[in-house]
Every structure is written in C-alpha cells, then in structure tokens.
Protein backbone atom coordinates (compact mmCIF):
# COMPACT_ATOMS: atom_id res chain seq x y z
CA MET A 1 -0.38 -13.43 5.60
CA LEU A 2 -1.45 -11.27 2.91
CA PHE A 3 1.31 -10.18 0.47
CA VAL A 4 0.66 -7.39 -1.73
CA ALA A 5 3.40 -7.23 -4.29
CA ALA A 6 3.92 -4.46 -7.16
CA ALA A 7 2.98 -6.13 -10.55
CA GLY A 8 4.33 -5.20 -13.55
CA ASN A 9 8.19 -3.77 -14.36
CA SER A 10 8.00 -0.45 -16.15
CA GLY A 11 5.11 -1.97 -18.46
CA SER A 12 6.31 -5.30 -18.95
CA ASN A 13 3.90 -8.01 -19.22
CA ASN A 14 4.22 -10.60 -15.90
CA ASP A 15 2.64 -13.44 -17.91
CA THR A 16 5.39 -13.51 -20.78
CA SER A 17 8.30 -12.15 -18.60
CA PRO A 18 7.82 -13.13 -15.13
CA PHE A 19 8.72 -10.48 -12.66
CA TYR A 20 9.00 -11.79 -9.05
CA PRO A 21 7.34 -11.65 -6.51
CA ALA A 22 4.10 -10.49 -8.44
CA SER A 23 4.15 -13.49 -10.45
CA TYR A 24 3.84 -16.11 -7.83
CA THR A 25 0.65 -17.73 -7.70
CA ALA A 26 -0.56 -18.05 -4.31
CA PRO A 27 -4.13 -17.35 -2.50
CA ASN A 28 -2.80 -14.72 -0.16
CA LEU A 29 -1.04 -12.68 -3.08
CA ILE A 30 -2.56 -9.52 -4.43
CA ALA A 31 -0.41 -8.19 -7.20
CA VAL A 32 -1.31 -4.65 -7.35
CA ALA A 33 0.04 -2.24 -10.33
CA ALA A 34 3.20 -0.31 -10.04
CA THR A 35 4.84 2.82 -11.60
CA SER A 36 8.29 2.97 -12.98
CA SER A 37 10.58 5.58 -12.06
CA THR A 38 9.27 8.04 -14.73
CA ASP A 39 5.77 7.40 -12.94
CA ALA A 40 4.46 5.32 -16.34
CA LEU A 41 1.90 2.78 -15.27
CA ALA A 42 2.67 -1.00 -15.29
CA SER A 43 0.17 -2.56 -17.43
CA PHE A 44 -0.11 -6.18 -16.66
CA SER A 45 -0.88 -8.11 -13.37
CA SER A 46 0.60 -11.64 -12.60
CA ALA A 47 -2.75 -12.99 -13.52
CA GLY A 48 -2.74 -11.52 -16.90
CA ALA A 49 -5.27 -8.77 -15.96
CA VAL A 50 -4.89 -5.19 -16.85
CA TRP A 51 -4.65 -3.11 -13.74
CA ASN A 52 -4.49 0.57 -13.02
CA ALA A 53 -2.06 2.30 -10.63
CA ASP A 54 -3.44 1.96 -6.95
CA THR A 55 -5.66 -0.83 -7.67
CA GLY A 56 -8.21 -1.07 -5.15
CA SER A 57 -8.12 2.50 -4.00
CA SER A 58 -11.13 4.79 -3.88
CA GLY A 59 -10.76 8.56 -2.34
CA GLY A 60 -8.18 10.48 -1.35
CA THR A 61 -5.20 12.06 -3.56
CA THR A 62 -1.84 11.08 -4.87
CA TYR A 63 1.52 12.57 -4.53
CA ALA A 64 4.92 11.59 -5.52
CA ALA A 65 8.26 12.35 -4.50
CA ASN A 66 11.80 11.46 -5.50
CA ALA A 67 13.46 11.80 -1.86
CA ALA A 68 15.99 9.59 -0.59
CA ILE A 69 14.14 7.02 1.94
CA GLN A 70 16.16 5.94 5.07
CA ASN A 71 15.82 2.98 7.09
CA THR A 72 14.91 0.68 3.76
CA THR A 73 16.46 -1.25 1.03
CA THR A 74 13.53 -0.74 -1.32
CA PRO A 75 13.09 3.23 -1.03
CA ALA A 76 10.68 3.32 -4.27
CA LEU A 77 8.08 1.60 -2.29
CA TYR A 78 7.72 4.44 0.08
CA GLN A 79 8.35 7.29 -2.64
CA THR A 80 4.76 7.59 -3.70
CA GLU A 81 1.43 8.20 -1.09
CA ARG A 82 -2.15 8.60 -1.11
CA PHE A 83 -3.52 11.35 1.43
CA GLY A 84 -7.00 12.61 2.54
CA ASN A 85 -9.58 10.29 3.18
CA PHE A 86 -9.57 7.09 1.09
CA GLN A 87 -9.52 3.14 1.36
CA TYR A 88 -8.17 0.22 -0.24
CA GLN A 89 -10.32 -2.83 -0.56
CA PHE A 90 -9.44 -6.27 -2.13
CA SER A 91 -11.65 -9.51 -2.41
CA VAL A 92 -9.25 -12.37 -1.00
CA PRO A 93 -10.23 -15.56 0.15
CA ASN A 94 -11.29 -16.49 3.54
CA GLY A 95 -8.51 -16.77 6.04
CA ASN A 96 -5.98 -15.12 8.30
CA TYR A 97 -3.75 -12.70 6.96
CA THR A 98 -1.16 -9.97 8.35
CA VAL A 99 -1.52 -6.97 6.60
CA ASN A 100 1.65 -4.97 6.17
CA LEU A 101 1.32 -1.08 5.68
CA LYS A 102 4.51 0.89 4.88
CA PHE A 103 4.80 4.27 5.58
CA ALA A 104 6.99 7.56 5.00
CA GLU A 105 6.42 11.18 5.34
CA ILE A 106 7.58 12.48 1.87
CA TYR A 107 5.62 15.77 2.05
CA PHE A 108 5.79 17.52 5.23
CA SER A 109 9.29 18.00 7.60
CA THR A 110 7.90 18.43 10.78
CA ALA A 111 6.26 16.05 13.41
CA GLY A 112 2.42 16.87 14.00
CA SER A 113 1.85 18.00 10.11
CA ARG A 114 -0.28 14.93 9.16
CA ILE A 115 -2.02 12.96 12.04
CA PHE A 116 -4.35 10.11 10.98
CA ASN A 117 -6.35 7.28 11.77
CA VAL A 118 -6.18 3.56 10.20
CA ALA A 119 -8.87 0.76 10.22
CA ILE A 120 -8.89 -2.66 8.59
CA ASP A 121 -12.16 -4.06 8.30
CA GLY A 122 -13.76 -1.62 10.50
CA ALA A 123 -11.28 -2.10 13.35
CA GLN A 124 -9.00 0.86 14.20
CA VAL A 125 -5.61 -0.35 14.17
CA LEU A 126 -3.94 3.40 14.15
CA THR A 127 -5.11 6.11 16.34
CA ASN A 128 -3.74 9.46 15.81
CA PHE A 129 -0.82 8.00 13.87
CA ASP A 130 2.04 10.70 12.90
CA ILE A 131 4.59 9.31 10.66
CA ILE A 132 7.55 11.69 11.36
CA SER A 133 7.34 11.06 15.24
CA GLN A 134 7.06 7.29 14.97
CA ALA A 135 9.75 7.22 12.33
CA GLY A 136 11.86 9.94 13.83
CA ALA A 137 12.30 11.82 10.89
CA PRO A 138 10.62 12.67 7.73
CA ASN A 139 11.74 10.46 4.27
CA THR A 140 12.32 7.39 6.74
CA ALA A 141 10.41 4.15 6.12
CA ILE A 142 8.60 2.66 9.13
CA ASP A 143 6.15 -0.54 8.74
CA ARG A 144 3.15 -1.53 10.88
CA SER A 145 1.77 -5.28 10.90
CA PHE A 146 -1.70 -6.35 11.76
CA PRO A 147 -3.42 -9.73 11.74
CA VAL A 148 -6.76 -9.59 9.73
CA THR A 149 -9.10 -12.64 9.61
CA VAL A 150 -11.40 -12.34 6.30
CA ASP A 151 -14.52 -14.38 6.41
CA LYS A 152 -16.77 -13.30 3.49
CA GLN A 153 -20.13 -15.23 5.05
CA ARG A 154 -19.93 -12.54 7.42
CA GLY A 155 -19.76 -9.86 4.87
CA ARG A 156 -16.04 -8.93 5.59
CA MET A 157 -13.42 -8.25 3.10
CA ALA A 158 -9.87 -6.81 3.35
CA VAL A 159 -10.66 -2.97 3.90
CA PHE A 160 -8.02 -0.45 4.55
CA ARG A 161 -9.15 2.95 5.68
CA SER A 162 -7.49 5.85 6.19
CA THR A 163 -8.73 9.19 8.02
CA ALA A 164 -6.49 12.09 7.90
CA HIS A 165 -6.27 15.03 10.28
CA GLY A 166 -4.18 17.13 7.99
CA ARG A 167 -3.05 16.95 4.27
C-alpha cells in the first residue's frame, strides 16, 4: 500500500516537531507538502527536505475553496484541486502498493460539468469519471483505491495522470 501523507503543519519543521502520519519513516510513505488553512505553504517534509505544495505534480491548474465537505472527517484534504491535463509522479521503491485517490467536486454544482479519465502507470483506472454523479452531490468526498505494482527495472514508476473533458 502506498500512503501519501501531508508534510508540515502550517509551516512547522517535522524533523524538530514531528507531525504524524507524515513523520513516520516507512518505504511506502510519501510525504507531500501541505498548505495551512490560509493557504500558506508548509515548508518541511518528514525527511528534512524542503518541499513545495503539490509535490510531484506537473501541468494543470490549482483551485481552492472553503466549502464544507460532506462524507469525510478530514474535509481539508478535499478543499483544493488540480484540474486540466496534469500528472503526479513519484519515485518509490519497487513493490505492490494501493493508490488511494480522494475526490470532491468543489467548483461545479451539477453532474456532467467535469468528466475525466485517470491512468496510473499507463493503465486507465477511471473512465469518464464524474465526481458529482459518483458522490451524489457537489462538495461530497468520494475515494477510489487501485492496486499498483512498481518495478523500476521495467522502467515503471508511480505516475498518476488525469485528462479532463471540461474544466
């Protein structure tokens, strides 16, 4: 299982003031930068590296909303988005992982407004995915999990790619 955790706590250094789960050291943990409730960048990872928000991403555009998110106990995870054509890429040790993708439609209010595909390591895992249709309403969390095998000897790395058919 691949676990992606937010690193930093409103700009704190996880190496001097551990913040969990990002401060755990495990081969299947990727600590990515987070933002505070005022969108200030968190600046340290659990490995002591300086990160920028949205580590591992390329392409697309970001958006944030302070909407109340239903169906979750961690609404902050769903209050930002990257949209358009983009990807995330991480170098992780060889092995079998579970990739957990978290979605909430925080911009549109009607089904069919944003439809997209998601591929992981070149394999399409979501086709014509419509968050509102799947979650039942806007501002409602919905998660999807996918098994992934990473084998760098075959040139594979964890790459998450989304292609949008709308905003």
